[in-house]
Amino acid sequence: MSLSRLKRSTLGEDVYQTLRAAVLEHTLTPGDRMNIDGLARELEVSPTPVREALARLESEGLVRKRPLAGYTVSPLLTVAEFEDLFDMRLLLEPAAARWAAARATDEQRAELVVAAARTVSAGDGDDQAWHAAFTTLDAQMHDLVAAASGSPLLHESIGRLHSHLHLHRRYFPYAQTAVTNDEHQRIAAAIRDHEADAAEVAMREHLTRARDRHRVVFGN
């Protein structure tokens, strides 16, 4: 394992972001132990920001803490957990899109359109960087919709649902990213145009298709 050195002055946030990226990109794989002292030595920081970062990751469901065993990276979702997660997303996110179409500010609508238009190319062949960039764009798009809903509680709930799904991103069929981008753009256009029904339908269709795309993880 080799984690990148930290450069910015906000040390606690840096440690959190570095460890979160390591989990999501499987530098730290599901089931790996996360020793506080060992991580602190590798990152060249004191144990305190590492401990705080792990507590944040635990609250997001990305790591687990067990008595006497310390922290480990959360396992991948089971089939049942995966289906339950998408059931919940299908309950919450179409509603968020509908509310965003009705409640979003002009600035939020414009930001959504810009975010939906962003794409990620294979670039220099660095698959890990490409996967990370696509995951980030996808997460940002859904977060922007949730934020534009005008409901802080709904926004927080949707954010928490996404954490476990991101553990699967290394197995996502990235050949289908163009389809994902098209779906994002339909959602953004409906929100931009204040079309609540269309936004809700577009989000539901996107999630239904995304569920099918992610099922390849389980061989279905």
C-alpha atoms as a PDB file:
ATOM      1  CA  MET A   1       0.000   0.000   0.000  1.00  0.00           C
ATOM      2  CA  SER A   2       1.270   3.444  -0.869  1.00  0.00           C
ATOM      3  CA  LEU A   3      -0.711   6.522   0.086  1.00  0.00           C
ATOM      4  CA  SER A   4       0.039   9.953  -1.339  1.00  0.00           C
ATOM      5  CA  ARG A   5       1.768  12.532   0.863  1.00  0.00           C
ATOM      6  CA  LEU A   6      -0.286  15.390   2.212  1.00  0.00           C
ATOM      7  CA  LYS A   7       0.369  18.937   1.053  1.00  0.00           C
ATOM      8  CA  ARG A   8      -2.420  21.280   2.138  1.00  0.00           C
ATOM      9  CA  SER A   9      -2.666  23.059   5.464  1.00  0.00           C
ATOM     10  CA  THR A  10      -6.055  21.622   6.506  1.00  0.00           C
ATOM     11  CA  LEU A  11      -4.502  18.484   7.922  1.00  0.00           C
ATOM     12  CA  GLY A  12      -7.600  16.800   9.350  1.00  0.00           C
ATOM     13  CA  GLU A  13      -9.520  17.218   6.101  1.00  0.00           C
ATOM     14  CA  ASP A  14      -6.510  16.031   4.103  1.00  0.00           C
ATOM     15  CA  VAL A  15      -6.237  12.840   6.129  1.00  0.00           C
ATOM     16  CA  TYR A  16      -9.957  12.178   5.723  1.00  0.00           C
ATOM     17  CA  GLN A  17      -9.924  12.792   1.963  1.00  0.00           C
ATOM     18  CA  THR A  18      -6.801  10.665   1.472  1.00  0.00           C
ATOM     19  CA  LEU A  19      -8.182   7.703   3.403  1.00  0.00           C
ATOM     20  CA  ARG A  20     -11.612   8.034   1.785  1.00  0.00           C
ATOM     21  CA  ALA A  21     -10.035   7.978  -1.679  1.00  0.00           C
ATOM     22  CA  ALA A  22      -7.924   4.959  -0.703  1.00  0.00           C
ATOM     23  CA  VAL A  23     -11.072   3.080   0.330  1.00  0.00           C
ATOM     24  CA  LEU A  24     -13.146   4.064  -2.696  1.00  0.00           C
ATOM     25  CA  GLU A  25     -10.349   3.299  -5.149  1.00  0.00           C
ATOM     26  CA  HIS A  26      -9.486   0.015  -3.384  1.00  0.00           C
ATOM     27  CA  THR A  27      -5.960   1.019  -2.461  1.00  0.00           C
ATOM     28  CA  LEU A  28      -7.379  -0.178   0.841  1.00  0.00           C
ATOM     29  CA  THR A  29      -9.591  -3.114  -0.128  1.00  0.00           C
ATOM     30  CA  PRO A  30     -12.755  -4.409   1.587  1.00  0.00           C
ATOM     31  CA  GLY A  31     -11.796  -6.232   4.758  1.00  0.00           C
ATOM     32  CA  ASP A  32      -8.374  -4.581   5.150  1.00  0.00           C
ATOM     33  CA  ARG A  33      -7.412  -3.556   8.672  1.00  0.00           C
ATOM     34  CA  MET A  34      -6.772   0.149   9.171  1.00  0.00           C
ATOM     35  CA  ASN A  35      -4.226   0.507  11.942  1.00  0.00           C
ATOM     36  CA  ILE A  36      -4.229   4.040  13.311  1.00  0.00           C
ATOM     37  CA  ASP A  37      -0.547   4.145  14.230  1.00  0.00           C
ATOM     38  CA  GLY A  38       0.506   2.544  10.955  1.00  0.00           C
ATOM     39  CA  LEU A  39      -1.536   4.975   8.887  1.00  0.00           C
ATOM     40  CA  ALA A  40      -0.203   7.893  10.907  1.00  0.00           C
ATOM     41  CA  ARG A  41       3.380   6.807  10.178  1.00  0.00           C
ATOM     42  CA  GLU A  42       2.680   6.378   6.458  1.00  0.00           C
ATOM     43  CA  LEU A  43       0.983   9.761   6.193  1.00  0.00           C
ATOM     44  CA  GLU A  44       3.567  11.377   8.493  1.00  0.00           C
ATOM     45  CA  VAL A  45       0.962  12.816  10.858  1.00  0.00           C
ATOM     46  CA  SER A  46      -0.008  12.243  14.478  1.00  0.00           C
ATOM     47  CA  PRO A  47      -2.611   9.559  15.292  1.00  0.00           C
ATOM     48  CA  THR A  48      -5.256  12.180  16.183  1.00  0.00           C
ATOM     49  CA  PRO A  49      -6.296  13.267  12.647  1.00  0.00           C
ATOM     50  CA  VAL A  50      -6.240   9.620  11.537  1.00  0.00           C
ATOM     51  CA  ARG A  51      -8.551   8.664  14.400  1.00  0.00           C
ATOM     52  CA  GLU A  52     -10.892  11.535  13.544  1.00  0.00           C
ATOM     53  CA  ALA A  53     -10.893  10.611   9.857  1.00  0.00           C
ATOM     54  CA  LEU A  54     -11.724   6.988  10.629  1.00  0.00           C
ATOM     55  CA  ALA A  55     -14.624   8.094  12.826  1.00  0.00           C
ATOM     56  CA  ARG A  56     -15.991  10.121   9.895  1.00  0.00           C
ATOM     57  CA  LEU A  57     -15.582   7.198   7.525  1.00  0.00           C
ATOM     58  CA  GLU A  58     -17.359   4.945  10.003  1.00  0.00           C
ATOM     59  CA  SER A  59     -20.312   7.359  10.105  1.00  0.00           C
ATOM     60  CA  GLU A  60     -20.475   7.113   6.292  1.00  0.00           C
ATOM     61  CA  GLY A  61     -20.425   3.331   6.381  1.00  0.00           C
ATOM     62  CA  LEU A  62     -17.110   3.037   4.568  1.00  0.00           C
ATOM     63  CA  VAL A  63     -15.237   1.498   7.506  1.00  0.00           C
ATOM     64  CA  ARG A  64     -16.285  -0.562  10.482  1.00  0.00           C
ATOM     65  CA  LYS A  65     -15.049  -0.528  14.068  1.00  0.00           C
ATOM     66  CA  ARG A  66     -15.165  -3.674  16.148  1.00  0.00           C
ATOM     67  CA  PRO A  67     -14.183  -4.142  19.797  1.00  0.00           C
ATOM     68  CA  LEU A  68     -10.531  -5.190  20.181  1.00  0.00           C
ATOM     69  CA  ALA A  69     -10.148  -5.462  16.386  1.00  0.00           C
ATOM     70  CA  GLY A  70     -10.064  -1.773  15.468  1.00  0.00           C
ATOM     71  CA  TYR A  71     -11.122  -0.460  12.075  1.00  0.00           C
ATOM     72  CA  THR A  72     -11.514  -2.415   8.852  1.00  0.00           C
ATOM     73  CA  VAL A  73     -12.693  -1.374   5.392  1.00  0.00           C
ATOM     74  CA  SER A  74     -16.371  -2.230   4.997  1.00  0.00           C
ATOM     75  CA  PRO A  75     -17.139  -5.267   2.837  1.00  0.00           C
ATOM     76  CA  LEU A  76     -18.809  -4.982  -0.531  1.00  0.00           C
ATOM     77  CA  LEU A  77     -22.570  -5.102  -0.548  1.00  0.00           C
ATOM     78  CA  THR A  78     -24.327  -8.434  -0.729  1.00  0.00           C
ATOM     79  CA  VAL A  79     -26.930  -8.902  -3.450  1.00  0.00           C
ATOM     80  CA  ALA A  80     -29.727  -8.252  -0.946  1.00  0.00           C
ATOM     81  CA  GLU A  81     -28.022  -5.098   0.393  1.00  0.00           C
ATOM     82  CA  PHE A  82     -27.436  -3.838  -3.141  1.00  0.00           C
ATOM     83  CA  GLU A  83     -31.093  -4.302  -4.082  1.00  0.00           C
ATOM     84  CA  ASP A  84     -32.222  -2.637  -0.857  1.00  0.00           C
ATOM     85  CA  LEU A  85     -29.929   0.326  -1.501  1.00  0.00           C
ATOM     86  CA  PHE A  86     -31.396   0.908  -4.952  1.00  0.00           C
ATOM     87  CA  ASP A  87     -34.920   0.479  -3.601  1.00  0.00           C
ATOM     88  CA  MET A  88     -34.177   3.336  -1.213  1.00  0.00           C
ATOM     89  CA  ARG A  89     -32.541   5.450  -3.922  1.00  0.00           C
ATOM     90  CA  LEU A  90     -35.622   4.987  -6.087  1.00  0.00           C
ATOM     91  CA  LEU A  91     -37.778   6.254  -3.231  1.00  0.00           C
ATOM     92  CA  LEU A  92     -35.656   9.306  -2.436  1.00  0.00           C
ATOM     93  CA  GLU A  93     -33.858  10.549  -5.526  1.00  0.00           C
ATOM     94  CA  PRO A  94     -36.805  10.936  -7.925  1.00  0.00           C
ATOM     95  CA  ALA A  95     -38.465  13.029  -5.216  1.00  0.00           C
ATOM     96  CA  ALA A  96     -35.274  15.079  -4.886  1.00  0.00           C
ATOM     97  CA  ALA A  97     -35.256  15.705  -8.634  1.00  0.00           C
ATOM     98  CA  ARG A  98     -38.914  16.767  -8.567  1.00  0.00           C
ATOM     99  CA  TRP A  99     -38.292  19.184  -5.700  1.00  0.00           C
ATOM    100  CA  ALA A 100     -35.155  20.500  -7.382  1.00  0.00           C
ATOM    101  CA  ALA A 101     -37.152  21.339 -10.506  1.00  0.00           C
ATOM    102  CA  ALA A 102     -39.544  23.350  -8.346  1.00  0.00           C
ATOM    103  CA  ARG A 103     -37.181  24.831  -5.769  1.00  0.00           C
ATOM    104  CA  ALA A 104     -33.669  25.182  -7.206  1.00  0.00           C
ATOM    105  CA  THR A 105     -32.155  28.616  -7.562  1.00  0.00           C
ATOM    106  CA  ASP A 106     -31.065  29.860 -10.979  1.00  0.00           C
ATOM    107  CA  GLU A 107     -27.464  29.331  -9.898  1.00  0.00           C
ATOM    108  CA  GLN A 108     -28.156  25.723  -8.904  1.00  0.00           C
ATOM    109  CA  ARG A 109     -29.914  25.019 -12.203  1.00  0.00           C
ATOM    110  CA  ALA A 110     -26.977  26.399 -14.158  1.00  0.00           C
ATOM    111  CA  GLU A 111     -24.500  24.430 -12.046  1.00  0.00           C
ATOM    112  CA  LEU A 112     -26.408  21.210 -12.696  1.00  0.00           C
ATOM    113  CA  VAL A 113     -26.351  21.735 -16.449  1.00  0.00           C
ATOM    114  CA  VAL A 114     -22.597  22.338 -16.362  1.00  0.00           C
ATOM    115  CA  ALA A 115     -21.992  19.291 -14.149  1.00  0.00           C
ATOM    116  CA  ALA A 116     -24.088  17.031 -16.367  1.00  0.00           C
ATOM    117  CA  ALA A 117     -22.135  18.102 -19.438  1.00  0.00           C
ATOM    118  CA  ARG A 118     -18.763  17.137 -17.963  1.00  0.00           C
ATOM    119  CA  THR A 119     -17.229  13.938 -19.285  1.00  0.00           C
ATOM    120  CA  VAL A 120     -14.167  11.873 -18.480  1.00  0.00           C
ATOM    121  CA  SER A 121     -11.889  10.516 -21.201  1.00  0.00           C
ATOM    122  CA  ALA A 122      -9.521   7.593 -20.892  1.00  0.00           C
ATOM    123  CA  GLY A 123      -6.664  10.081 -21.150  1.00  0.00           C
ATOM    124  CA  ASP A 124      -3.196   8.654 -20.728  1.00  0.00           C
ATOM    125  CA  GLY A 125      -4.382   5.165 -19.882  1.00  0.00           C
ATOM    126  CA  ASP A 126      -4.346   5.662 -16.122  1.00  0.00           C
ATOM    127  CA  ASP A 127      -7.430   3.558 -15.352  1.00  0.00           C
ATOM    128  CA  GLN A 128      -7.364   4.298 -11.637  1.00  0.00           C
ATOM    129  CA  ALA A 129      -7.387   8.052 -12.201  1.00  0.00           C
ATOM    130  CA  TRP A 130     -10.115   7.708 -14.825  1.00  0.00           C
ATOM    131  CA  HIS A 131     -12.308   5.618 -12.546  1.00  0.00           C
ATOM    132  CA  ALA A 132     -11.797   8.095  -9.726  1.00  0.00           C
ATOM    133  CA  ALA A 133     -12.678  11.036 -11.964  1.00  0.00           C
ATOM    134  CA  PHE A 134     -15.844   9.391 -13.265  1.00  0.00           C
ATOM    135  CA  THR A 135     -16.908   8.389  -9.760  1.00  0.00           C
ATOM    136  CA  THR A 136     -16.369  11.956  -8.578  1.00  0.00           C
ATOM    137  CA  LEU A 137     -18.418  13.462 -11.414  1.00  0.00           C
ATOM    138  CA  ASP A 138     -21.260  11.013 -10.863  1.00  0.00           C
ATOM    139  CA  ALA A 139     -21.307  11.659  -7.131  1.00  0.00           C
ATOM    140  CA  GLN A 140     -21.226  15.425  -7.665  1.00  0.00           C
ATOM    141  CA  MET A 141     -24.178  15.273 -10.052  1.00  0.00           C
ATOM    142  CA  HIS A 142     -26.376  13.364  -7.633  1.00  0.00           C
ATOM    143  CA  ASP A 143     -25.241  15.542  -4.735  1.00  0.00           C
ATOM    144  CA  LEU A 144     -26.133  18.705  -6.655  1.00  0.00           C
ATOM    145  CA  VAL A 145     -29.631  17.398  -7.365  1.00  0.00           C
ATOM    146  CA  ALA A 146     -30.108  16.468  -3.716  1.00  0.00           C
ATOM    147  CA  ALA A 147     -28.838  19.878  -2.561  1.00  0.00           C
ATOM    148  CA  ALA A 148     -31.133  21.667  -5.017  1.00  0.00           C
ATOM    149  CA  SER A 149     -34.132  19.825  -3.567  1.00  0.00           C
ATOM    150  CA  GLY A 150     -34.157  22.376  -0.759  1.00  0.00           C
ATOM    151  CA  SER A 151     -34.325  19.664   1.910  1.00  0.00           C
ATOM    152  CA  PRO A 152     -31.173  19.309   4.042  1.00  0.00           C
ATOM    153  CA  LEU A 153     -32.450  16.040   5.514  1.00  0.00           C
ATOM    154  CA  LEU A 154     -33.121  14.538   2.094  1.00  0.00           C
ATOM    155  CA  HIS A 155     -29.719  15.750   0.910  1.00  0.00           C
ATOM    156  CA  GLU A 156     -27.966  14.081   3.850  1.00  0.00           C
ATOM    157  CA  SER A 157     -29.930  10.845   3.472  1.00  0.00           C
ATOM    158  CA  ILE A 158     -29.075  10.494  -0.207  1.00  0.00           C
ATOM    159  CA  GLY A 159     -25.414  11.202   0.476  1.00  0.00           C
ATOM    160  CA  ARG A 160     -25.228   8.412   3.035  1.00  0.00           C
ATOM    161  CA  LEU A 161     -26.837   5.940   0.636  1.00  0.00           C
ATOM    162  CA  HIS A 162     -24.130   6.497  -1.957  1.00  0.00           C
ATOM    163  CA  SER A 163     -21.170   5.522   0.207  1.00  0.00           C
ATOM    164  CA  HIS A 164     -21.557   1.758   0.006  1.00  0.00           C
ATOM    165  CA  LEU A 165     -22.318   1.881  -3.681  1.00  0.00           C
ATOM    166  CA  HIS A 166     -19.019   3.655  -4.298  1.00  0.00           C
ATOM    167  CA  LEU A 167     -17.166   0.634  -2.927  1.00  0.00           C
ATOM    168  CA  HIS A 168     -18.347  -1.168  -6.073  1.00  0.00           C
ATOM    169  CA  ARG A 169     -17.153   1.475  -8.483  1.00  0.00           C
ATOM    170  CA  ARG A 170     -13.984  -0.413  -9.356  1.00  0.00           C
ATOM    171  CA  TYR A 171     -16.218  -3.035 -10.967  1.00  0.00           C
ATOM    172  CA  PHE A 172     -18.496  -0.636 -12.853  1.00  0.00           C
ATOM    173  CA  PRO A 173     -18.759  -1.223 -16.654  1.00  0.00           C
ATOM    174  CA  TYR A 174     -17.049   2.011 -17.665  1.00  0.00           C
ATOM    175  CA  ALA A 175     -17.781   1.400 -21.345  1.00  0.00           C
ATOM    176  CA  GLN A 176     -21.264   2.676 -20.461  1.00  0.00           C
ATOM    177  CA  THR A 177     -20.194   6.043 -19.106  1.00  0.00           C
ATOM    178  CA  ALA A 178     -21.566   7.821 -22.189  1.00  0.00           C
ATOM    179  CA  VAL A 179     -25.019   6.415 -21.427  1.00  0.00           C
ATOM    180  CA  THR A 180     -24.735   7.641 -17.862  1.00  0.00           C
ATOM    181  CA  ASN A 181     -23.772  11.116 -19.092  1.00  0.00           C
ATOM    182  CA  ASP A 182     -26.793  11.241 -21.407  1.00  0.00           C
ATOM    183  CA  GLU A 183     -29.090  10.320 -18.528  1.00  0.00           C
ATOM    184  CA  HIS A 184     -27.547  12.984 -16.307  1.00  0.00           C
ATOM    185  CA  GLN A 185     -28.104  15.592 -18.993  1.00  0.00           C
ATOM    186  CA  ARG A 186     -31.809  14.711 -19.276  1.00  0.00           C
ATOM    187  CA  ILE A 187     -32.214  15.125 -15.529  1.00  0.00           C
ATOM    188  CA  ALA A 188     -30.376  18.452 -15.536  1.00  0.00           C
ATOM    189  CA  ALA A 189     -32.375  19.769 -18.499  1.00  0.00           C
ATOM    190  CA  ALA A 190     -35.674  18.962 -16.813  1.00  0.00           C
ATOM    191  CA  ILE A 191     -34.586  20.696 -13.601  1.00  0.00           C
ATOM    192  CA  ARG A 192     -33.299  23.682 -15.572  1.00  0.00           C
ATOM    193  CA  ASP A 193     -36.671  23.983 -17.321  1.00  0.00           C
ATOM    194  CA  HIS A 194     -38.705  23.705 -14.082  1.00  0.00           C
ATOM    195  CA  GLU A 195     -40.282  20.451 -15.375  1.00  0.00           C
ATOM    196  CA  ALA A 196     -40.969  18.581 -12.141  1.00  0.00           C
ATOM    197  CA  ASP A 197     -42.697  15.563 -13.713  1.00  0.00           C
ATOM    198  CA  ALA A 198     -39.969  15.155 -16.330  1.00  0.00           C
ATOM    199  CA  ALA A 199     -37.213  15.488 -13.722  1.00  0.00           C
ATOM    200  CA  GLU A 200     -38.767  12.811 -11.546  1.00  0.00           C
ATOM    201  CA  VAL A 201     -39.236  10.439 -14.477  1.00  0.00           C
ATOM    202  CA  ALA A 202     -35.704  11.051 -15.790  1.00  0.00           C
ATOM    203  CA  MET A 203     -34.169  10.320 -12.389  1.00  0.00           C
ATOM    204  CA  ARG A 204     -36.237   7.160 -11.944  1.00  0.00           C
ATOM    205  CA  GLU A 205     -35.245   5.892 -15.392  1.00  0.00           C
ATOM    206  CA  HIS A 206     -31.594   6.702 -14.713  1.00  0.00           C
ATOM    207  CA  LEU A 207     -31.563   4.821 -11.411  1.00  0.00           C
ATOM    208  CA  THR A 208     -33.403   1.833 -12.877  1.00  0.00           C
ATOM    209  CA  ARG A 209     -30.861   1.574 -15.675  1.00  0.00           C
ATOM    210  CA  ALA A 210     -27.960   2.222 -13.299  1.00  0.00           C
ATOM    211  CA  ARG A 211     -29.158  -0.646 -11.130  1.00  0.00           C
ATOM    212  CA  ASP A 212     -28.993  -2.958 -14.149  1.00  0.00           C
ATOM    213  CA  ARG A 213     -25.511  -1.716 -15.012  1.00  0.00           C
ATOM    214  CA  HIS A 214     -24.239  -2.289 -11.485  1.00  0.00           C
ATOM    215  CA  ARG A 215     -25.710  -5.795 -11.324  1.00  0.00           C
ATOM    216  CA  VAL A 216     -22.767  -7.035 -13.403  1.00  0.00           C
ATOM    217  CA  VAL A 217     -20.817  -6.966 -10.111  1.00  0.00           C
ATOM    218  CA  PHE A 218     -22.898  -9.936  -9.014  1.00  0.00           C
ATOM    219  CA  GLY A 219     -22.845 -11.717 -12.362  1.00  0.00           C
ATOM    220  CA  ASN A 220     -26.533 -10.921 -13.006  1.00  0.00           C
END
